[in-house]
mmCIF file of all heavy atoms, coordinates in Angstrom:
data_MODEL
# 
_entry.id   MODEL 
# 
loop_
_atom_site.group_PDB 
_atom_site.id 
_atom_site.type_symbol 
_atom_site.label_atom_id 
_atom_site.label_alt_id 
_atom_site.label_comp_id 
_atom_site.label_asym_id 
_atom_site.label_entity_id 
_atom_site.label_seq_id 
_atom_site.pdbx_PDB_ins_code 
_atom_site.Cartn_x 
_atom_site.Cartn_y 
_atom_site.Cartn_z 
_atom_site.occupancy 
_atom_site.B_iso_or_equiv 
_atom_site.pdbx_formal_charge 
_atom_site.auth_seq_id 
_atom_site.auth_comp_id 
_atom_site.auth_asym_id 
_atom_site.auth_atom_id 
_atom_site.pdbx_PDB_model_num 
ATOM 1   N N   . ASP A 1 1  ? -74.585 -43.791 -43.947 1.00 0.00 ? 1  ASP A N   1 
ATOM 2   C CA  . ASP A 1 1  ? -75.250 -42.727 -44.697 1.00 0.00 ? 1  ASP A CA  1 
ATOM 3   C C   . ASP A 1 1  ? -75.354 -43.145 -46.162 1.00 0.00 ? 1  ASP A C   1 
ATOM 4   O O   . ASP A 1 1  ? -74.355 -43.541 -46.772 1.00 0.00 ? 1  ASP A O   1 
ATOM 5   C CB  . ASP A 1 1  ? -74.429 -41.444 -44.569 1.00 0.00 ? 1  ASP A CB  1 
ATOM 6   C CG  . ASP A 1 1  ? -75.160 -40.227 -45.098 1.00 0.00 ? 1  ASP A CG  1 
ATOM 7   O OD1 . ASP A 1 1  ? -75.973 -40.374 -46.036 1.00 0.00 ? 1  ASP A OD1 1 
ATOM 8   O OD2 . ASP A 1 1  ? -74.908 -39.129 -44.588 1.00 0.00 ? 1  ASP A OD2 1 
ATOM 9   N N   . PRO A 1 2  ? -76.524 -43.056 -46.766 1.00 0.00 ? 2  PRO A N   1 
ATOM 10  C CA  . PRO A 1 2  ? -76.683 -43.485 -48.157 1.00 0.00 ? 2  PRO A CA  1 
ATOM 11  C C   . PRO A 1 2  ? -75.893 -42.609 -49.140 1.00 0.00 ? 2  PRO A C   1 
ATOM 12  O O   . PRO A 1 2  ? -75.638 -43.020 -50.271 1.00 0.00 ? 2  PRO A O   1 
ATOM 13  C CB  . PRO A 1 2  ? -78.187 -43.384 -48.411 1.00 0.00 ? 2  PRO A CB  1 
ATOM 14  C CG  . PRO A 1 2  ? -78.711 -42.472 -47.368 1.00 0.00 ? 2  PRO A CG  1 
ATOM 15  C CD  . PRO A 1 2  ? -77.790 -42.593 -46.191 1.00 0.00 ? 2  PRO A CD  1 
ATOM 16  N N   . ASP A 1 3  ? -75.493 -41.424 -48.732 1.00 0.00 ? 3  ASP A N   1 
ATOM 17  C CA  . ASP A 1 3  ? -74.723 -40.535 -49.606 1.00 0.00 ? 3  ASP A CA  1 
ATOM 18  C C   . ASP A 1 3  ? -73.219 -40.804 -49.542 1.00 0.00 ? 3  ASP A C   1 
ATOM 19  O O   . ASP A 1 3  ? -72.463 -40.254 -50.332 1.00 0.00 ? 3  ASP A O   1 
ATOM 20  C CB  . ASP A 1 3  ? -74.977 -39.063 -49.230 1.00 0.00 ? 3  ASP A CB  1 
ATOM 21  C CG  . ASP A 1 3  ? -76.404 -38.641 -49.515 1.00 0.00 ? 3  ASP A CG  1 
ATOM 22  O OD1 . ASP A 1 3  ? -76.971 -39.119 -50.523 1.00 0.00 ? 3  ASP A OD1 1 
ATOM 23  O OD2 . ASP A 1 3  ? -76.950 -37.843 -48.738 1.00 0.00 ? 3  ASP A OD2 1 
ATOM 24  N N   . GLN A 1 4  ? -72.809 -41.657 -48.593 1.00 0.00 ? 4  GLN A N   1 
ATOM 25  C CA  . GLN A 1 4  ? -71.378 -41.888 -48.405 1.00 0.00 ? 4  GLN A CA  1 
ATOM 26  C C   . GLN A 1 4  ? -70.737 -42.547 -49.624 1.00 0.00 ? 4  GLN A C   1 
ATOM 27  O O   . GLN A 1 4  ? -69.715 -42.069 -50.124 1.00 0.00 ? 4  GLN A O   1 
ATOM 28  C CB  . GLN A 1 4  ? -71.121 -42.742 -47.167 1.00 0.00 ? 4  GLN A CB  1 
ATOM 29  C CG  . GLN A 1 4  ? -69.638 -42.972 -46.920 1.00 0.00 ? 4  GLN A CG  1 
ATOM 30  C CD  . GLN A 1 4  ? -69.363 -43.762 -45.650 1.00 0.00 ? 4  GLN A CD  1 
ATOM 31  O OE1 . GLN A 1 4  ? -70.271 -44.123 -44.922 1.00 0.00 ? 4  GLN A OE1 1 
ATOM 32  N NE2 . GLN A 1 4  ? -68.100 -44.017 -45.391 1.00 0.00 ? 4  GLN A NE2 1 
ATOM 33  N N   . ALA A 1 5  ? -71.295 -43.613 -50.110 1.00 0.00 ? 5  ALA A N   1 
ATOM 34  C CA  . ALA A 1 5  ? -70.702 -44.335 -51.246 1.00 0.00 ? 5  ALA A CA  1 
ATOM 35  C C   . ALA A 1 5  ? -70.636 -43.464 -52.500 1.00 0.00 ? 5  ALA A C   1 
ATOM 36  O O   . ALA A 1 5  ? -69.582 -43.391 -53.149 1.00 0.00 ? 5  ALA A O   1 
ATOM 37  C CB  . ALA A 1 5  ? -71.461 -45.626 -51.514 1.00 0.00 ? 5  ALA A CB  1 
ATOM 38  N N   . PRO A 1 6  ? -71.723 -42.753 -52.862 1.00 0.00 ? 6  PRO A N   1 
ATOM 39  C CA  . PRO A 1 6  ? -71.615 -41.880 -54.037 1.00 0.00 ? 6  PRO A CA  1 
ATOM 40  C C   . PRO A 1 6  ? -70.588 -40.756 -53.841 1.00 0.00 ? 6  PRO A C   1 
ATOM 41  O O   . PRO A 1 6  ? -69.866 -40.388 -54.774 1.00 0.00 ? 6  PRO A O   1 
ATOM 42  C CB  . PRO A 1 6  ? -73.020 -41.305 -54.205 1.00 0.00 ? 6  PRO A CB  1 
ATOM 43  C CG  . PRO A 1 6  ? -73.920 -42.207 -53.463 1.00 0.00 ? 6  PRO A CG  1 
ATOM 44  C CD  . PRO A 1 6  ? -73.097 -42.825 -52.376 1.00 0.00 ? 6  PRO A CD  1 
ATOM 45  N N   . ALA A 1 7  ? -70.503 -40.234 -52.625 1.00 0.00 ? 7  ALA A N   1 
ATOM 46  C CA  . ALA A 1 7  ? -69.529 -39.169 -52.349 1.00 0.00 ? 7  ALA A CA  1 
ATOM 47  C C   . ALA A 1 7  ? -68.107 -39.696 -52.469 1.00 0.00 ? 7  ALA A C   1 
ATOM 48  O O   . ALA A 1 7  ? -67.235 -39.031 -53.045 1.00 0.00 ? 7  ALA A O   1 
ATOM 49  C CB  . ALA A 1 7  ? -69.758 -38.576 -50.961 1.00 0.00 ? 7  ALA A CB  1 
ATOM 50  N N   . GLU A 1 8  ? -67.874 -40.897 -51.930 1.00 0.00 ? 8  GLU A N   1 
ATOM 51  C CA  . GLU A 1 8  ? -66.533 -41.490 -52.037 1.00 0.00 ? 8  GLU A CA  1 
ATOM 52  C C   . GLU A 1 8  ? -66.166 -41.741 -53.496 1.00 0.00 ? 8  GLU A C   1 
ATOM 53  O O   . GLU A 1 8  ? -65.038 -41.460 -53.919 1.00 0.00 ? 8  GLU A O   1 
ATOM 54  C CB  . GLU A 1 8  ? -66.468 -42.795 -51.240 1.00 0.00 ? 8  GLU A CB  1 
ATOM 55  C CG  . GLU A 1 8  ? -66.455 -42.580 -49.744 1.00 0.00 ? 8  GLU A CG  1 
ATOM 56  C CD  . GLU A 1 8  ? -66.573 -43.873 -48.944 1.00 0.00 ? 8  GLU A CD  1 
ATOM 57  O OE1 . GLU A 1 8  ? -66.889 -44.939 -49.532 1.00 0.00 ? 8  GLU A OE1 1 
ATOM 58  O OE2 . GLU A 1 8  ? -66.344 -43.803 -47.717 1.00 0.00 ? 8  GLU A OE2 1 
ATOM 59  N N   . ALA A 1 9  ? -67.111 -42.249 -54.268 1.00 0.00 ? 9  ALA A N   1 
ATOM 60  C CA  . ALA A 1 9  ? -66.856 -42.506 -55.693 1.00 0.00 ? 9  ALA A CA  1 
ATOM 61  C C   . ALA A 1 9  ? -66.585 -41.197 -56.440 1.00 0.00 ? 9  ALA A C   1 
ATOM 62  O O   . ALA A 1 9  ? -65.660 -41.117 -57.272 1.00 0.00 ? 9  ALA A O   1 
ATOM 63  C CB  . ALA A 1 9  ? -68.038 -43.233 -56.316 1.00 0.00 ? 9  ALA A CB  1 
ATOM 64  N N   . ALA A 1 10 ? -67.363 -40.181 -56.141 1.00 0.00 ? 10 ALA A N   1 
ATOM 65  C CA  . ALA A 1 10 ? -67.170 -38.883 -56.801 1.00 0.00 ? 10 ALA A CA  1 
ATOM 66  C C   . ALA A 1 10 ? -65.828 -38.267 -56.417 1.00 0.00 ? 10 ALA A C   1 
ATOM 67  O O   . ALA A 1 10 ? -65.150 -37.671 -57.260 1.00 0.00 ? 10 ALA A O   1 
ATOM 68  C CB  . ALA A 1 10 ? -68.316 -37.941 -56.447 1.00 0.00 ? 10 ALA A CB  1 
ATOM 69  N N   . MET A 1 11 ? -65.437 -38.408 -55.160 1.00 0.00 ? 11 MET A N   1 
ATOM 70  C CA  . MET A 1 11 ? -64.141 -37.876 -54.732 1.00 0.00 ? 11 MET A CA  1 
ATOM 71  C C   . MET A 1 11 ? -62.993 -38.614 -55.421 1.00 0.00 ? 11 MET A C   1 
ATOM 72  O O   . MET A 1 11 ? -62.002 -38.002 -55.822 1.00 0.00 ? 11 MET A O   1 
ATOM 73  C CB  . MET A 1 11 ? -63.986 -37.962 -53.204 1.00 0.00 ? 11 MET A CB  1 
ATOM 74  C CG  . MET A 1 11 ? -64.743 -36.901 -52.446 1.00 0.00 ? 11 MET A CG  1 
ATOM 75  S SD  . MET A 1 11 ? -64.302 -35.195 -52.888 1.00 0.00 ? 11 MET A SD  1 
ATOM 76  C CE  . MET A 1 11 ? -62.601 -35.144 -52.367 1.00 0.00 ? 11 MET A CE  1 
ATOM 77  N N   . LYS A 1 12 ? -63.137 -39.916 -55.561 1.00 0.00 ? 12 LYS A N   1 
ATOM 78  C CA  . LYS A 1 12 ? -62.113 -40.698 -56.261 1.00 0.00 ? 12 LYS A CA  1 
ATOM 79  C C   . LYS A 1 12 ? -61.976 -40.228 -57.701 1.00 0.00 ? 12 LYS A C   1 
ATOM 80  O O   . LYS A 1 12 ? -60.881 -40.065 -58.218 1.00 0.00 ? 12 LYS A O   1 
ATOM 81  C CB  . LYS A 1 12 ? -62.456 -42.183 -56.226 1.00 0.00 ? 12 LYS A CB  1 
ATOM 82  C CG  . LYS A 1 12 ? -61.467 -42.995 -55.474 1.00 0.00 ? 12 LYS A CG  1 
ATOM 83  C CD  . LYS A 1 12 ? -61.831 -44.459 -55.550 1.00 0.00 ? 12 LYS A CD  1 
ATOM 84  C CE  . LYS A 1 12 ? -61.318 -45.089 -54.385 1.00 0.00 ? 12 LYS A CE  1 
ATOM 85  N NZ  . LYS A 1 12 ? -60.666 -45.975 -53.930 1.00 0.00 ? 12 LYS A NZ  1 
ATOM 86  N N   . ALA A 1 13 ? -63.118 -40.029 -58.353 1.00 0.00 ? 13 ALA A N   1 
ATOM 87  C CA  . ALA A 1 13 ? -63.116 -39.557 -59.743 1.00 0.00 ? 13 ALA A CA  1 
ATOM 88  C C   . ALA A 1 13 ? -62.507 -38.158 -59.833 1.00 0.00 ? 13 ALA A C   1 
ATOM 89  O O   . ALA A 1 13 ? -61.727 -37.870 -60.745 1.00 0.00 ? 13 ALA A O   1 
ATOM 90  C CB  . ALA A 1 13 ? -64.533 -39.557 -60.298 1.00 0.00 ? 13 ALA A CB  1 
ATOM 91  N N   . ALA A 1 14 ? -62.840 -37.311 -58.866 1.00 0.00 ? 14 ALA A N   1 
ATOM 92  C CA  . ALA A 1 14 ? -62.292 -35.951 -58.850 1.00 0.00 ? 14 ALA A CA  1 
ATOM 93  C C   . ALA A 1 14 ? -60.778 -35.983 -58.644 1.00 0.00 ? 14 ALA A C   1 
ATOM 94  O O   . ALA A 1 14 ? -60.032 -35.250 -59.309 1.00 0.00 ? 14 ALA A O   1 
ATOM 95  C CB  . ALA A 1 14 ? -62.956 -35.123 -57.752 1.00 0.00 ? 14 ALA A CB  1 
ATOM 96  N N   . GLU A 1 15 ? -60.309 -36.824 -57.741 1.00 0.00 ? 15 GLU A N   1 
ATOM 97  C CA  . GLU A 1 15 ? -58.866 -36.954 -57.513 1.00 0.00 ? 15 GLU A CA  1 
ATOM 98  C C   . GLU A 1 15 ? -58.158 -37.449 -58.763 1.00 0.00 ? 15 GLU A C   1 
ATOM 99  O O   . GLU A 1 15 ? -57.054 -37.007 -59.080 1.00 0.00 ? 15 GLU A O   1 
ATOM 100 C CB  . GLU A 1 15 ? -58.600 -37.885 -56.326 1.00 0.00 ? 15 GLU A CB  1 
ATOM 101 C CG  . GLU A 1 15 ? -58.962 -37.266 -54.996 1.00 0.00 ? 15 GLU A CG  1 
ATOM 102 C CD  . GLU A 1 15 ? -58.918 -38.241 -53.830 1.00 0.00 ? 15 GLU A CD  1 
ATOM 103 O OE1 . GLU A 1 15 ? -58.820 -39.467 -54.049 1.00 0.00 ? 15 GLU A OE1 1 
ATOM 104 O OE2 . GLU A 1 15 ? -58.992 -37.754 -52.682 1.00 0.00 ? 15 GLU A OE2 1 
ATOM 105 N N   . SER A 1 16 ? -58.805 -38.339 -59.483 1.00 0.00 ? 16 SER A N   1 
ATOM 106 C CA  . SER A 1 16 ? -58.236 -38.838 -60.733 1.00 0.00 ? 16 SER A CA  1 
ATOM 107 C C   . SER A 1 16 ? -58.122 -37.708 -61.759 1.00 0.00 ? 16 SER A C   1 
ATOM 108 O O   . SER A 1 16 ? -57.120 -37.584 -62.451 1.00 0.00 ? 16 SER A O   1 
ATOM 109 C CB  . SER A 1 16 ? -59.111 -39.970 -61.281 1.00 0.00 ? 16 SER A CB  1 
ATOM 110 O OG  . SER A 1 16 ? -58.638 -40.388 -62.527 1.00 0.00 ? 16 SER A OG  1 
ATOM 111 N N   . GLU A 1 17 ? -59.165 -36.878 -61.855 1.00 0.00 ? 17 GLU A N   1 
ATOM 112 C CA  . GLU A 1 17 ? -59.140 -35.733 -62.771 1.00 0.00 ? 17 GLU A CA  1 
ATOM 113 C C   . GLU A 1 17 ? -57.997 -34.773 -62.401 1.00 0.00 ? 17 GLU A C   1 
ATOM 114 O O   . GLU A 1 17 ? -57.264 -34.311 -63.261 1.00 0.00 ? 17 GLU A O   1 
ATOM 115 C CB  . GLU A 1 17 ? -60.468 -34.963 -62.712 1.00 0.00 ? 17 GLU A CB  1 
ATOM 116 C CG  . GLU A 1 17 ? -61.592 -35.607 -63.440 1.00 0.00 ? 17 GLU A CG  1 
ATOM 117 C CD  . GLU A 1 17 ? -61.464 -35.516 -64.943 1.00 0.00 ? 17 GLU A CD  1 
ATOM 118 O OE1 . GLU A 1 17 ? -61.069 -34.465 -65.458 1.00 0.00 ? 17 GLU A OE1 1 
ATOM 119 O OE2 . GLU A 1 17 ? -61.753 -36.525 -65.598 1.00 0.00 ? 17 GLU A OE2 1 
ATOM 120 N N   . VAL A 1 18 ? -57.876 -34.491 -61.129 1.00 0.00 ? 18 VAL A N   1 
ATOM 121 C CA  . VAL A 1 18 ? -56.848 -33.552 -60.663 1.00 0.00 ? 18 VAL A CA  1 
ATOM 122 C C   . VAL A 1 18 ? -55.453 -34.113 -60.919 1.00 0.00 ? 18 VAL A C   1 
ATOM 123 O O   . VAL A 1 18 ? -54.536 -33.363 -61.279 1.00 0.00 ? 18 VAL A O   1 
ATOM 124 C CB  . VAL A 1 18 ? -57.051 -33.215 -59.164 1.00 0.00 ? 18 VAL A CB  1 
ATOM 125 C CG1 . VAL A 1 18 ? -55.895 -32.402 -58.624 1.00 0.00 ? 18 VAL A CG1 1 
ATOM 126 C CG2 . VAL A 1 18 ? -58.364 -32.477 -58.976 1.00 0.00 ? 18 VAL A CG2 1 
ATOM 127 N N   . SER A 1 19 ? -55.301 -35.416 -60.787 1.00 0.00 ? 19 SER A N   1 
ATOM 128 C CA  . SER A 1 19 ? -53.973 -36.011 -60.997 1.00 0.00 ? 19 SER A CA  1 
ATOM 129 C C   . SER A 1 19 ? -53.516 -35.884 -62.445 1.00 0.00 ? 19 SER A C   1 
ATOM 130 O O   . SER A 1 19 ? -52.329 -35.949 -62.726 1.00 0.00 ? 19 SER A O   1 
ATOM 131 C CB  . SER A 1 19 ? -53.977 -37.485 -60.568 1.00 0.00 ? 19 SER A CB  1 
ATOM 132 O OG  . SER A 1 19 ? -54.726 -38.265 -61.477 1.00 0.00 ? 19 SER A OG  1 
ATOM 133 N N   . ARG A 1 20 ? -54.450 -35.678 -63.363 1.00 0.00 ? 20 ARG A N   1 
ATOM 134 C CA  . ARG A 1 20 ? -54.083 -35.519 -64.772 1.00 0.00 ? 20 ARG A CA  1 
ATOM 135 C C   . ARG A 1 20 ? -53.583 -34.122 -65.105 1.00 0.00 ? 20 ARG A C   1 
ATOM 136 O O   . ARG A 1 20 ? -53.086 -33.901 -66.199 1.00 0.00 ? 20 ARG A O   1 
ATOM 137 C CB  . ARG A 1 20 ? -55.272 -35.861 -65.661 1.00 0.00 ? 20 ARG A CB  1 
ATOM 138 C CG  . ARG A 1 20 ? -55.480 -37.361 -65.738 1.00 0.00 ? 20 ARG A CG  1 
ATOM 139 C CD  . ARG A 1 20 ? -56.432 -37.700 -66.839 1.00 0.00 ? 20 ARG A CD  1 
ATOM 140 N NE  . ARG A 1 20 ? -57.522 -38.440 -66.224 1.00 0.00 ? 20 ARG A NE  1 
ATOM 141 C CZ  . ARG A 1 20 ? -58.774 -38.395 -66.611 1.00 0.00 ? 20 ARG A CZ  1 
ATOM 142 N NH1 . ARG A 1 20 ? -59.113 -37.666 -67.626 1.00 0.00 ? 20 ARG A NH1 1 
ATOM 143 N NH2 . ARG A 1 20 ? -59.692 -39.095 -65.990 1.00 0.00 ? 20 ARG A NH2 1 
ATOM 144 N N   . LEU A 1 21 ? -53.769 -33.202 -64.179 1.00 0.00 ? 21 LEU A N   1 
ATOM 145 C CA  . LEU A 1 21 ? -53.252 -31.851 -64.428 1.00 0.00 ? 21 LEU A CA  1 
ATOM 146 C C   . LEU A 1 21 ? -51.736 -31.912 -64.424 1.00 0.00 ? 21 LEU A C   1 
ATOM 147 O O   . LEU A 1 21 ? -51.126 -32.430 -63.500 1.00 0.00 ? 21 LEU A O   1 
ATOM 148 C CB  . LEU A 1 21 ? -53.708 -30.879 -63.341 1.00 0.00 ? 21 LEU A CB  1 
ATOM 149 C CG  . LEU A 1 21 ? -55.137 -30.404 -63.413 1.00 0.00 ? 21 LEU A CG  1 
ATOM 150 C CD1 . LEU A 1 21 ? -55.415 -29.457 -62.265 1.00 0.00 ? 21 LEU A CD1 1 
ATOM 151 C CD2 . LEU A 1 21 ? -55.450 -29.738 -64.721 1.00 0.00 ? 21 LEU A CD2 1 
ATOM 152 N N   . GLY A 1 22 ? -51.134 -31.367 -65.439 1.00 0.00 ? 22 GLY A N   1 
ATOM 153 C CA  . GLY A 1 22 ? -49.681 -31.377 -65.516 1.00 0.00 ? 22 GLY A CA  1 
ATOM 154 C C   . GLY A 1 22 ? -49.078 -30.151 -64.865 1.00 0.00 ? 22 GLY A C   1 
ATOM 155 O O   . GLY A 1 22 ? -49.778 -29.228 -64.429 1.00 0.00 ? 22 GLY A O   1 
ATOM 156 N N   . GLY A 1 23 ? -47.769 -30.144 -64.820 1.00 0.00 ? 23 GLY A N   1 
ATOM 157 C CA  . GLY A 1 23 ? -47.041 -29.004 -64.261 1.00 0.00 ? 23 GLY A CA  1 
ATOM 158 C C   . GLY A 1 23 ? -47.238 -27.747 -65.075 1.00 0.00 ? 23 GLY A C   1 
ATOM 159 O O   . GLY A 1 23 ? -47.130 -26.638 -64.557 1.00 0.00 ? 23 GLY A O   1 
ATOM 160 N N   . ASP A 1 24 ? -47.535 -27.919 -66.366 1.00 0.00 ? 24 ASP A N   1 
ATOM 161 C CA  . ASP A 1 24 ? -47.777 -26.752 -67.211 1.00 0.00 ? 24 ASP A CA  1 
ATOM 162 C C   . ASP A 1 24 ? -48.959 -25.947 -66.710 1.00 0.00 ? 24 ASP A C   1 
ATOM 163 O O   . ASP A 1 24 ? -48.938 -24.725 -66.736 1.00 0.00 ? 24 ASP A O   1 
ATOM 164 C CB  . ASP A 1 24 ? -48.052 -27.173 -68.664 1.00 0.00 ? 24 ASP A CB  1 
ATOM 165 C CG  . ASP A 1 24 ? -46.788 -27.499 -69.425 1.00 0.00 ? 24 ASP A CG  1 
ATOM 166 O OD1 . ASP A 1 24 ? -45.689 -27.295 -68.873 1.00 0.00 ? 24 ASP A OD1 1 
ATOM 167 O OD2 . ASP A 1 24 ? -46.904 -27.952 -70.580 1.00 0.00 ? 24 ASP A OD2 1 
# 
């Protein structure tokens, strides 16, 4: 699927953003 690679990249970026959320 041509949307697979962009979706995987976007999910990786989203996971990175979420990982920066602190306990606060």
